[in-house]
């Protein structure tokens, strides 16, 4: 199983980024998926999840600003991040729902 994130970068507060995670070796449409994030010096935090039925979860810290989605035809998971704040600065990881597989992460820096 391979998960490859993309779409991170540096933005000003209030800006947006769309993160993507392309998977391979996984029955993607049957898989629950998640986005975790880890701020500098901080613990890893669950940001959002989407299960195979499309049910969604958002941490309070991102609710109303982030949108998780998936395109099963493309084996790709997305995280639309809007109204970014400096406290959103972190490495964002794509993770399978069972926690067994993690991507390499993509850096989001908000200044």
Protein backbone atom coordinates (compact mmCIF):
# COMPACT_ATOMS: atom_id res chain seq x y z
CA UNK A 1 0.00 0.00 0.00
CA UNK A 2 1.30 3.43 -0.91
CA UNK A 3 -0.20 6.80 0.01
CA UNK A 4 1.27 9.92 -1.57
CA UNK A 5 0.17 13.37 -0.41
CA UNK A 6 0.49 16.55 -2.41
CA UNK A 7 -0.81 20.09 -2.41
CA UNK A 8 0.88 21.52 0.66
CA UNK A 9 2.65 24.85 0.62
CA UNK A 10 3.00 28.26 2.22
CA UNK A 11 0.03 30.59 2.36
CA UNK A 12 -1.05 33.69 4.23
CA UNK A 13 -3.68 33.51 6.91
CA UNK A 14 -7.12 33.40 5.35
CA UNK A 15 -5.86 31.51 2.33
CA UNK A 16 -6.72 28.07 1.02
CA UNK A 17 -4.99 24.90 -0.04
CA UNK A 18 -6.32 21.66 -1.48
CA UNK A 19 -4.46 18.62 -0.28
CA UNK A 20 -4.63 15.36 -2.21
CA UNK A 21 -3.64 11.81 -1.37
CA UNK A 22 -3.29 9.27 -4.13
CA UNK A 23 -3.39 5.63 -3.08
CA UNK A 24 -2.20 2.42 -4.65
CA UNK A 25 -2.29 -1.20 -3.56
CA UNK A 26 -5.46 -0.53 -1.61
CA UNK A 27 -9.11 -1.34 -2.24
CA UNK A 28 -9.74 2.36 -1.93
CA UNK A 29 -13.50 2.43 -2.28
CA UNK A 30 -13.84 -0.05 0.60
CA UNK A 31 -11.41 1.85 2.83
CA UNK A 32 -12.11 4.34 5.55
CA UNK A 33 -9.63 7.21 5.28
CA UNK A 34 -8.36 10.00 7.48
CA UNK A 35 -6.24 13.12 7.57
CA UNK A 36 -3.98 13.60 10.59
CA UNK A 37 -1.75 16.57 11.22
CA UNK A 38 1.25 17.28 13.41
CA UNK A 39 2.26 20.80 14.30
CA UNK A 40 5.90 21.62 15.12
CA UNK A 41 6.64 20.25 18.58
CA UNK A 42 3.07 19.04 18.92
CA UNK A 43 1.26 15.75 19.04
CA UNK A 44 -0.35 14.13 16.05
CA UNK A 45 -3.98 15.25 15.79
CA UNK A 46 -6.87 13.68 13.90
CA UNK A 47 -8.28 16.37 11.62
CA UNK A 48 -10.95 14.61 9.60
CA UNK A 49 -12.22 11.23 8.46
CA UNK A 50 -14.40 9.85 5.71
CA UNK A 51 -15.60 6.27 5.70
CA UNK A 52 -16.44 4.05 2.78
CA UNK A 53 -20.09 5.11 3.02
CA UNK A 54 -19.15 8.77 2.88
CA UNK A 55 -19.82 9.56 6.53
CA UNK A 56 -17.70 12.47 7.70
CA UNK A 57 -15.99 13.58 10.90
CA UNK A 58 -14.21 16.85 11.64
CA UNK A 59 -12.22 17.89 14.66
CA UNK A 60 -13.65 21.00 16.29
CA UNK A 61 -10.47 22.86 15.36
CA UNK A 62 -11.18 22.50 11.62
CA UNK A 63 -14.97 22.21 11.49
CA UNK A 64 -16.53 24.74 9.13
CA UNK A 65 -13.22 25.47 7.42
CA UNK A 66 -12.02 22.12 6.05
CA UNK A 67 -13.85 19.71 3.75
CA UNK A 68 -12.81 16.10 3.28
CA UNK A 69 -13.84 14.24 0.15
CA UNK A 70 -12.88 11.26 -1.95
CA UNK A 71 -12.90 10.25 -5.59
CA UNK A 72 -13.04 6.48 -5.67
CA UNK A 73 -12.57 6.38 -9.44
CA UNK A 74 -9.20 8.10 -8.98
CA UNK A 75 -8.28 6.34 -5.70
CA UNK A 76 -7.73 9.81 -4.28
CA UNK A 77 -8.56 11.47 -0.98
CA UNK A 78 -8.82 15.25 -0.68
CA UNK A 79 -8.81 17.86 2.04
CA UNK A 80 -9.94 21.35 1.08
CA UNK A 81 -8.56 23.73 3.66
CA UNK A 82 -10.08 27.23 3.73
CA UNK A 83 -9.77 30.23 6.04
CA UNK A 84 -6.41 28.94 7.14
CA UNK A 85 -4.98 30.11 10.45
CA UNK A 86 -1.41 30.16 11.69
CA UNK A 87 -2.31 27.35 14.06
CA UNK A 88 -3.09 25.13 11.05
CA UNK A 89 0.64 25.02 10.30
CA UNK A 90 1.54 21.33 10.40
CA UNK A 91 2.57 18.32 8.40
CA UNK A 92 -0.61 16.73 7.09
CA UNK A 93 -0.74 12.96 6.73
CA UNK A 94 -3.10 10.75 4.79
CA UNK A 95 -3.87 7.58 6.76
CA UNK A 96 -5.95 4.49 6.20
CA UNK A 97 -8.83 4.13 8.63
CA UNK A 98 -7.22 1.23 10.46
CA UNK A 99 -4.11 3.31 11.03
CA UNK A 100 -1.87 0.77 9.38
CA UNK A 101 -0.69 2.90 6.46
CA UNK A 102 0.52 6.50 6.45
CA UNK A 103 1.73 8.75 3.66
CA UNK A 104 4.97 10.68 3.90
CA UNK A 105 3.14 13.90 4.73
CA UNK A 106 2.82 17.29 3.10
CA UNK A 107 3.82 20.52 4.83
CA UNK A 108 1.28 23.31 5.27
CA UNK A 109 2.68 26.60 6.52
CA UNK A 110 0.37 29.52 7.31
CA UNK A 111 1.88 32.91 8.08
